[in-house]
């Protein structure tokens, strides 16, 4: 199985929120940080990936956060 990207963005606060929810739900994730260290929050993004088996549930959780 492959990993599915469930989120990409530049907000480190949003990423932390999503990671906490995934952890609380027992969903394992991988984080890929493509932020430029010299210009954090301006250039680049942080991506979160989950397994294909957890993707549907994880996407629903991320949508819930986005709709707040």
Protein backbone atom coordinates (compact mmCIF):
# COMPACT_ATOMS: atom_id res chain seq x y z
CA UNK A 1 0.00 0.00 0.00
CA UNK A 2 1.07 3.55 -0.58
CA UNK A 3 0.74 6.64 1.55
CA UNK A 4 -1.89 9.26 0.76
CA UNK A 5 -1.33 12.99 1.26
CA UNK A 6 -4.08 14.32 3.51
CA UNK A 7 -2.79 17.84 4.11
CA UNK A 8 -0.31 20.36 2.80
CA UNK A 9 0.06 23.92 3.98
CA UNK A 10 2.35 26.45 5.58
CA UNK A 11 0.63 26.84 8.96
CA UNK A 12 2.65 25.03 11.60
CA UNK A 13 -0.18 25.58 14.09
CA UNK A 14 -2.67 23.83 11.78
CA UNK A 15 -0.22 20.95 11.24
CA UNK A 16 0.20 20.52 15.00
CA UNK A 17 -3.60 20.48 15.41
CA UNK A 18 -4.01 17.82 12.72
CA UNK A 19 -1.17 15.71 14.11
CA UNK A 20 -2.73 15.79 17.59
CA UNK A 21 -6.09 14.65 16.26
CA UNK A 22 -4.49 11.86 14.22
CA UNK A 23 -2.55 10.68 17.27
CA UNK A 24 -5.72 10.73 19.41
CA UNK A 25 -7.46 8.58 16.78
CA UNK A 26 -4.53 6.15 16.63
CA UNK A 27 -3.68 7.03 13.03
CA UNK A 28 0.00 6.89 12.15
CA UNK A 29 1.30 9.62 9.84
CA UNK A 30 4.44 10.81 8.12
CA UNK A 31 5.38 14.48 8.01
CA UNK A 32 7.39 15.94 5.15
CA UNK A 33 8.66 19.43 5.91
CA UNK A 34 9.43 21.35 2.72
CA UNK A 35 9.61 24.73 4.45
CA UNK A 36 12.55 27.00 3.68
CA UNK A 37 14.35 27.32 7.02
CA UNK A 38 15.42 30.88 6.22
CA UNK A 39 11.86 32.01 5.47
CA UNK A 40 9.68 29.77 7.62
CA UNK A 41 5.98 30.28 6.94
CA UNK A 42 6.63 32.14 3.68
CA UNK A 43 8.20 29.63 1.28
CA UNK A 44 7.37 25.96 1.16
CA UNK A 45 4.87 23.76 2.89
CA UNK A 46 4.44 20.92 5.35
CA UNK A 47 2.78 17.75 4.09
CA UNK A 48 1.12 14.99 6.10
CA UNK A 49 0.69 11.47 4.74
CA UNK A 50 -1.22 8.47 6.12
CA UNK A 51 -1.58 4.89 4.96
CA UNK A 52 -4.18 4.14 2.33
CA UNK A 53 -6.17 2.18 4.93
CA UNK A 54 -6.50 5.25 7.20
CA UNK A 55 -6.87 7.86 4.46
CA UNK A 56 -10.66 8.16 4.39
CA UNK A 57 -10.98 8.67 8.15
CA UNK A 58 -8.00 11.05 8.24
CA UNK A 59 -9.38 13.17 5.39
CA UNK A 60 -12.72 13.47 7.22
CA UNK A 61 -10.90 14.63 10.36
CA UNK A 62 -8.91 17.22 8.40
CA UNK A 63 -12.12 18.50 6.75
CA UNK A 64 -13.69 18.89 10.20
CA UNK A 65 -10.75 21.07 11.28
CA UNK A 66 -10.85 23.16 8.08
CA UNK A 67 -14.56 23.89 8.60
CA UNK A 68 -14.08 25.34 12.09
